[in-house]
């Protein structure tokens, strides 16, 4: 029996009821809820979730953080494209997202 999860075996009930950070933590632990484990499926999932829910400006602040982390990128590109550009591939980009997210949250907690 495999220890890996598949999207067919994971119950995704109540994802729409989670707060935004809990949702991100859930996806980091169980990325198999995405059709493919890459930055593009993740971005599409988040965009869909955000249509129905709110992140209270979290992703706007994260976007600014990404610009700053990558040398004040002056671009109309979104966070996913920037992270992907500086990653080996779209799968690595998802890993990089969660690393950057962790760093961002640590930075925010020291400011408060």
Protein backbone atom coordinates (compact mmCIF):
# COMPACT_ATOMS: atom_id res chain seq x y z
CA UNK A 1 0.00 0.00 0.00
CA UNK A 2 1.37 3.40 -1.00
CA UNK A 3 1.81 6.23 1.49
CA UNK A 4 1.12 8.77 -1.23
CA UNK A 5 -2.17 10.57 -1.44
CA UNK A 6 -4.18 11.06 -4.57
CA UNK A 7 -6.90 13.58 -5.26
CA UNK A 8 -9.40 10.71 -5.29
CA UNK A 9 -8.59 9.70 -1.70
CA UNK A 10 -8.49 13.10 -0.06
CA UNK A 11 -11.68 14.56 1.30
CA UNK A 12 -11.82 18.22 0.37
CA UNK A 13 -15.01 19.12 2.22
CA UNK A 14 -14.99 22.45 3.98
CA UNK A 15 -12.08 23.99 2.04
CA UNK A 16 -14.35 26.92 1.27
CA UNK A 17 -14.93 27.41 5.01
CA UNK A 18 -11.22 27.64 5.91
CA UNK A 19 -9.53 30.94 6.50
CA UNK A 20 -6.92 31.79 3.90
CA UNK A 21 -3.79 30.88 5.84
CA UNK A 22 -5.30 27.60 7.01
CA UNK A 23 -6.10 26.80 3.38
CA UNK A 24 -2.49 27.48 2.32
CA UNK A 25 -1.19 25.28 5.14
CA UNK A 26 -3.61 22.52 4.14
CA UNK A 27 -2.46 22.60 0.52
CA UNK A 28 1.19 22.59 1.56
CA UNK A 29 0.59 19.44 3.65
CA UNK A 30 -1.65 17.75 1.06
CA UNK A 31 -0.88 19.14 -2.42
CA UNK A 32 -2.67 16.17 -3.99
CA UNK A 33 -5.91 18.16 -3.82
CA UNK A 34 -4.52 19.98 -6.87
CA UNK A 35 -5.00 18.31 -10.28
CA UNK A 36 -1.21 18.56 -10.71
CA UNK A 37 1.37 19.58 -8.16
CA UNK A 38 2.64 22.77 -9.82
CA UNK A 39 2.42 26.52 -9.47
CA UNK A 40 -0.14 26.92 -12.29
CA UNK A 41 -2.72 24.55 -10.83
CA UNK A 42 -2.13 26.11 -7.42
CA UNK A 43 -2.62 29.64 -8.77
CA UNK A 44 -5.83 28.59 -10.57
CA UNK A 45 -7.12 26.93 -7.40
CA UNK A 46 -6.39 30.03 -5.30
CA UNK A 47 -7.99 32.34 -7.84
CA UNK A 48 -11.14 30.23 -7.77
CA UNK A 49 -11.16 30.11 -3.99
CA UNK A 50 -10.68 33.89 -3.81
CA UNK A 51 -13.71 34.50 -6.02
CA UNK A 52 -15.86 33.04 -3.26
CA UNK A 53 -13.79 34.04 -0.20
CA UNK A 54 -11.45 36.74 1.00
CA UNK A 55 -7.81 36.81 1.96
CA UNK A 56 -8.09 40.25 3.61
CA UNK A 57 -5.37 41.65 1.35
CA UNK A 58 -2.85 38.93 2.14
CA UNK A 59 -2.00 38.15 -1.49
CA UNK A 60 -1.63 41.85 -2.34
CA UNK A 61 0.97 42.16 0.41
CA UNK A 62 2.58 38.88 -0.67
CA UNK A 63 2.83 40.19 -4.25
CA UNK A 64 4.70 43.28 -2.96
CA UNK A 65 6.97 40.98 -0.94
CA UNK A 66 7.74 38.92 -4.06
CA UNK A 67 8.61 42.08 -6.00
CA UNK A 68 10.97 43.09 -3.20
CA UNK A 69 12.54 39.63 -2.83
CA UNK A 70 13.40 39.50 -6.51
CA UNK A 71 15.03 42.92 -6.71
CA UNK A 72 12.02 45.23 -6.85
CA UNK A 73 10.81 43.70 -10.06
CA UNK A 74 8.94 46.41 -11.93
CA UNK A 75 6.46 44.24 -13.72
CA UNK A 76 2.82 43.63 -14.32
CA UNK A 77 3.50 39.91 -13.85
CA UNK A 78 1.82 38.15 -10.97
CA UNK A 79 3.48 36.34 -8.10
CA UNK A 80 3.18 32.92 -9.79
CA UNK A 81 4.94 34.03 -12.98
CA UNK A 82 7.73 35.72 -11.06
CA UNK A 83 8.31 32.73 -8.79
CA UNK A 84 8.18 30.37 -11.77
CA UNK A 85 10.69 32.49 -13.71
CA UNK A 86 13.23 32.13 -10.87
CA UNK A 87 12.57 28.40 -10.35
CA UNK A 88 13.78 25.30 -12.15
CA UNK A 89 10.27 24.40 -13.32
CA UNK A 90 6.63 24.80 -12.32
CA UNK A 91 6.92 21.99 -9.75
CA UNK A 92 9.92 23.61 -8.08
CA UNK A 93 8.04 26.92 -8.22
CA UNK A 94 5.34 25.50 -5.95
CA UNK A 95 7.99 24.49 -3.42
CA UNK A 96 9.52 27.96 -3.73
CA UNK A 97 6.10 29.52 -3.13
CA UNK A 98 5.77 27.78 0.22
CA UNK A 99 9.33 28.71 1.21
CA UNK A 100 8.68 32.36 0.29
CA UNK A 101 5.35 32.22 2.10
CA UNK A 102 7.06 30.99 5.25
CA UNK A 103 9.68 33.75 5.01
CA UNK A 104 6.96 36.33 4.37
CA UNK A 105 4.97 35.23 7.40
CA UNK A 106 8.10 35.38 9.59
CA UNK A 107 8.89 38.88 8.30
CA UNK A 108 5.32 40.01 8.97
CA UNK A 109 5.37 38.63 12.50
CA UNK A 110 8.53 40.57 13.37
CA UNK A 111 6.98 43.82 12.10
CA UNK A 112 3.89 43.49 14.31
